């Protein structure tokens, strides 16, 4: 997962509250860092996304494969 895919996944799942969530919600998996702090520390976006999903109770079926753009048909 790239950072741009992480950003899309957060926007798709959490809407307008996504920015506040990544800056305010503490993720115990990363030593009490927020998602924003974890990304700044170099933790891969995919790991941060999955930890965010756990803390925000995102259902399993909405955790994988998100953030990717839809392929355009020619």
N, C-alpha and C. Protein backbone atom coordinates (compact mmCIF):
# COMPACT_ATOMS: atom_id res chain seq x y z
N UNK A 1 0.85 -1.17 0.00
CA UNK A 1 0.00 0.00 0.00
C UNK A 1 0.90 1.24 0.00
N UNK A 2 0.65 2.11 -0.92
CA UNK A 2 1.35 3.40 -0.97
C UNK A 2 0.65 4.40 -0.07
N UNK A 3 1.34 5.49 0.20
CA UNK A 3 0.75 6.52 1.05
C UNK A 3 -0.53 7.08 0.42
N UNK A 4 -0.53 7.26 -0.90
CA UNK A 4 -1.73 7.77 -1.57
C UNK A 4 -2.89 6.79 -1.42
N UNK A 5 -2.61 5.50 -1.43
CA UNK A 5 -3.65 4.50 -1.24
C UNK A 5 -4.16 4.53 0.21
N UNK A 6 -3.24 4.75 1.14
CA UNK A 6 -3.62 4.90 2.55
C UNK A 6 -4.58 6.08 2.70
N UNK A 7 -4.22 7.20 2.10
CA UNK A 7 -5.06 8.40 2.20
C UNK A 7 -6.45 8.16 1.61
N UNK A 8 -6.51 7.49 0.46
CA UNK A 8 -7.81 7.16 -0.16
C UNK A 8 -8.62 6.23 0.73
N UNK A 9 -7.94 5.22 1.29
CA UNK A 9 -8.64 4.27 2.16
C UNK A 9 -9.24 4.97 3.37
N UNK A 10 -8.47 5.85 3.98
CA UNK A 10 -8.96 6.60 5.15
C UNK A 10 -10.15 7.47 4.75
N UNK A 11 -10.05 8.16 3.64
CA UNK A 11 -11.15 9.02 3.18
C UNK A 11 -12.40 8.20 2.86
N UNK A 12 -12.21 7.06 2.20
CA UNK A 12 -13.35 6.21 1.84
C UNK A 12 -14.03 5.62 3.07
N UNK A 13 -13.23 5.20 4.04
CA UNK A 13 -13.80 4.54 5.22
C UNK A 13 -14.35 5.53 6.25
N UNK A 14 -13.64 6.64 6.46
CA UNK A 14 -14.00 7.52 7.57
C UNK A 14 -14.54 8.88 7.15
N UNK A 15 -14.51 9.15 5.85
CA UNK A 15 -15.05 10.42 5.35
C UNK A 15 -14.33 11.62 5.93
N UNK A 16 -15.09 12.64 6.25
CA UNK A 16 -14.53 13.90 6.73
C UNK A 16 -13.83 13.81 8.07
N UNK A 17 -14.11 12.76 8.84
CA UNK A 17 -13.45 12.63 10.15
C UNK A 17 -12.12 11.89 10.05
N UNK A 18 -11.73 11.47 8.85
CA UNK A 18 -10.50 10.72 8.67
C UNK A 18 -9.25 11.46 9.11
N UNK A 19 -9.15 12.74 8.76
CA UNK A 19 -7.96 13.53 9.11
C UNK A 19 -7.82 13.64 10.62
N UNK A 20 -8.91 13.87 11.31
CA UNK A 20 -8.86 13.95 12.77
C UNK A 20 -8.50 12.60 13.37
N UNK A 21 -9.02 11.55 12.78
CA UNK A 21 -8.77 10.21 13.30
C UNK A 21 -7.29 9.85 13.21
N UNK A 22 -6.65 10.14 12.08
CA UNK A 22 -5.24 9.76 11.96
C UNK A 22 -4.33 10.64 12.81
N UNK A 23 -4.80 11.81 13.18
CA UNK A 23 -3.96 12.68 14.02
C UNK A 23 -4.28 12.55 15.51
N UNK A 24 -5.42 11.96 15.87
CA UNK A 24 -5.83 11.91 17.27
C UNK A 24 -5.89 10.50 17.89
N UNK A 25 -6.25 9.50 17.09
CA UNK A 25 -6.43 8.15 17.64
C UNK A 25 -5.07 7.49 17.87
N UNK A 26 -4.82 7.08 19.10
CA UNK A 26 -3.56 6.43 19.46
C UNK A 26 -3.62 4.96 19.07
N UNK A 27 -2.54 4.49 18.46
CA UNK A 27 -2.44 3.11 18.02
C UNK A 27 -1.43 2.38 18.91
N UNK A 28 -1.90 1.63 19.91
CA UNK A 28 -1.01 0.97 20.85
C UNK A 28 0.04 0.07 20.18
N UNK A 29 -0.30 -0.47 19.04
CA UNK A 29 0.63 -1.36 18.32
C UNK A 29 1.95 -0.65 17.99
N UNK A 30 1.93 0.67 17.88
CA UNK A 30 3.12 1.43 17.51
C UNK A 30 3.62 2.30 18.66
N UNK A 31 3.57 1.80 19.85
CA UNK A 31 4.12 2.52 20.99
C UNK A 31 3.37 3.79 21.33
N UNK A 32 2.05 3.70 21.27
CA UNK A 32 1.19 4.84 21.62
C UNK A 32 1.31 6.01 20.66
N UNK A 33 1.70 5.75 19.43
CA UNK A 33 1.74 6.79 18.40
C UNK A 33 0.39 6.87 17.70
N UNK A 34 0.10 8.02 17.13
CA UNK A 34 -1.05 8.15 16.25
C UNK A 34 -0.66 7.61 14.88
N UNK A 35 -1.62 7.48 14.00
CA UNK A 35 -1.32 7.03 12.64
C UNK A 35 -0.38 8.01 11.94
N UNK A 36 -0.62 9.29 12.14
CA UNK A 36 0.24 10.31 11.52
C UNK A 36 1.67 10.19 12.03
N UNK A 37 1.84 9.98 13.32
CA UNK A 37 3.17 9.83 13.90
C UNK A 37 3.86 8.55 13.42
N UNK A 38 3.08 7.49 13.30
CA UNK A 38 3.63 6.22 12.83
C UNK A 38 4.12 6.36 11.38
N UNK A 39 3.35 7.02 10.55
CA UNK A 39 3.77 7.23 9.16
C UNK A 39 5.03 8.08 9.10
N UNK A 40 5.08 9.13 9.91
CA UNK A 40 6.27 9.99 9.96
C UNK A 40 7.50 9.23 10.43
N UNK A 41 7.29 8.22 11.29
CA UNK A 41 8.40 7.42 11.81
C UNK A 41 8.86 6.36 10.81
N UNK A 42 8.18 6.28 9.66
CA UNK A 42 8.60 5.34 8.63
C UNK A 42 7.91 3.99 8.65
N UNK A 43 6.90 3.85 9.46
CA UNK A 43 6.15 2.60 9.48
C UNK A 43 5.34 2.52 8.18
N UNK A 44 5.38 1.38 7.50
CA UNK A 44 4.68 1.26 6.21
C UNK A 44 3.18 1.57 6.33
N UNK A 45 2.65 2.28 5.33
CA UNK A 45 1.23 2.66 5.35
C UNK A 45 0.28 1.46 5.53
N UNK A 46 0.62 0.31 4.96
CA UNK A 46 -0.26 -0.86 5.09
C UNK A 46 -0.38 -1.28 6.56
N UNK A 47 0.75 -1.28 7.28
CA UNK A 47 0.72 -1.65 8.69
C UNK A 47 -0.07 -0.64 9.51
N UNK A 48 0.10 0.63 9.18
CA UNK A 48 -0.64 1.68 9.87
C UNK A 48 -2.14 1.56 9.59
N UNK A 49 -2.49 1.30 8.33
CA UNK A 49 -3.89 1.13 7.96
C UNK A 49 -4.53 -0.01 8.76
N UNK A 50 -3.85 -1.15 8.82
CA UNK A 50 -4.42 -2.30 9.53
C UNK A 50 -4.56 -2.02 11.03
N UNK A 51 -3.58 -1.34 11.62
CA UNK A 51 -3.68 -0.98 13.04
C UNK A 51 -4.82 0.01 13.28
N UNK A 52 -4.99 0.94 12.37
CA UNK A 52 -6.09 1.91 12.46
C UNK A 52 -7.43 1.18 12.37
N UNK A 53 -7.51 0.21 11.48
CA UNK A 53 -8.75 -0.57 11.34
C UNK A 53 -9.09 -1.32 12.62
N UNK A 54 -8.07 -1.89 13.26
CA UNK A 54 -8.30 -2.62 14.51
C UNK A 54 -8.85 -1.67 15.57
N UNK A 55 -8.21 -0.53 15.74
CA UNK A 55 -8.63 0.41 16.79
C UNK A 55 -9.99 1.05 16.50
N UNK A 56 -10.34 1.19 15.23
CA UNK A 56 -11.61 1.83 14.85
C UNK A 56 -12.71 0.79 14.57
N UNK A 57 -12.43 -0.48 14.82
CA UNK A 57 -13.41 -1.56 14.62
C UNK A 57 -13.95 -1.63 13.20
N UNK A 58 -13.08 -1.45 12.21
CA UNK A 58 -13.48 -1.60 10.82
C UNK A 58 -13.64 -3.09 10.54
N UNK A 59 -14.78 -3.51 9.96
CA UNK A 59 -14.98 -4.93 9.67
C UNK A 59 -13.88 -5.49 8.75
N UNK A 60 -13.56 -6.76 8.96
CA UNK A 60 -12.50 -7.41 8.19
C UNK A 60 -12.68 -7.27 6.68
N UNK A 61 -13.89 -7.37 6.20
CA UNK A 61 -14.12 -7.32 4.76
C UNK A 61 -13.82 -5.95 4.14
N UNK A 62 -13.66 -4.92 4.98
CA UNK A 62 -13.35 -3.58 4.46
C UNK A 62 -11.89 -3.19 4.72
N UNK A 63 -11.07 -4.12 5.17
CA UNK A 63 -9.68 -3.79 5.51
C UNK A 63 -8.69 -4.06 4.39
N UNK A 64 -8.96 -5.00 3.53
CA UNK A 64 -7.99 -5.44 2.54
C UNK A 64 -8.35 -4.98 1.14
N UNK A 65 -7.33 -4.56 0.40
CA UNK A 65 -7.55 -4.15 -0.98
C UNK A 65 -8.16 -2.78 -1.16
N UNK A 66 -8.21 -2.00 -0.09
CA UNK A 66 -8.80 -0.67 -0.19
C UNK A 66 -7.75 0.36 -0.59
N UNK A 67 -8.23 1.48 -1.08
CA UNK A 67 -7.33 2.58 -1.43
C UNK A 67 -6.84 2.56 -2.85
N UNK A 68 -7.05 1.44 -3.52
CA UNK A 68 -6.59 1.36 -4.91
C UNK A 68 -7.61 2.01 -5.82
N UNK A 69 -7.08 2.63 -6.86
CA UNK A 69 -7.97 3.24 -7.83
C UNK A 69 -8.64 2.17 -8.67
N UNK A 70 -9.82 2.48 -9.13
CA UNK A 70 -10.52 1.58 -10.05
C UNK A 70 -9.81 1.62 -11.38
N UNK A 71 -9.64 0.47 -12.00
CA UNK A 71 -9.02 0.43 -13.32
C UNK A 71 -9.99 1.01 -14.35
N UNK A 72 -9.44 1.78 -15.26
CA UNK A 72 -10.26 2.34 -16.33
C UNK A 72 -10.39 1.32 -17.44
N UNK A 73 -11.59 1.23 -17.98
CA UNK A 73 -11.77 0.34 -19.14
C UNK A 73 -11.50 1.14 -20.41
N UNK A 74 -10.87 0.49 -21.38
CA UNK A 74 -10.52 1.23 -22.61
C UNK A 74 -11.64 1.22 -23.60
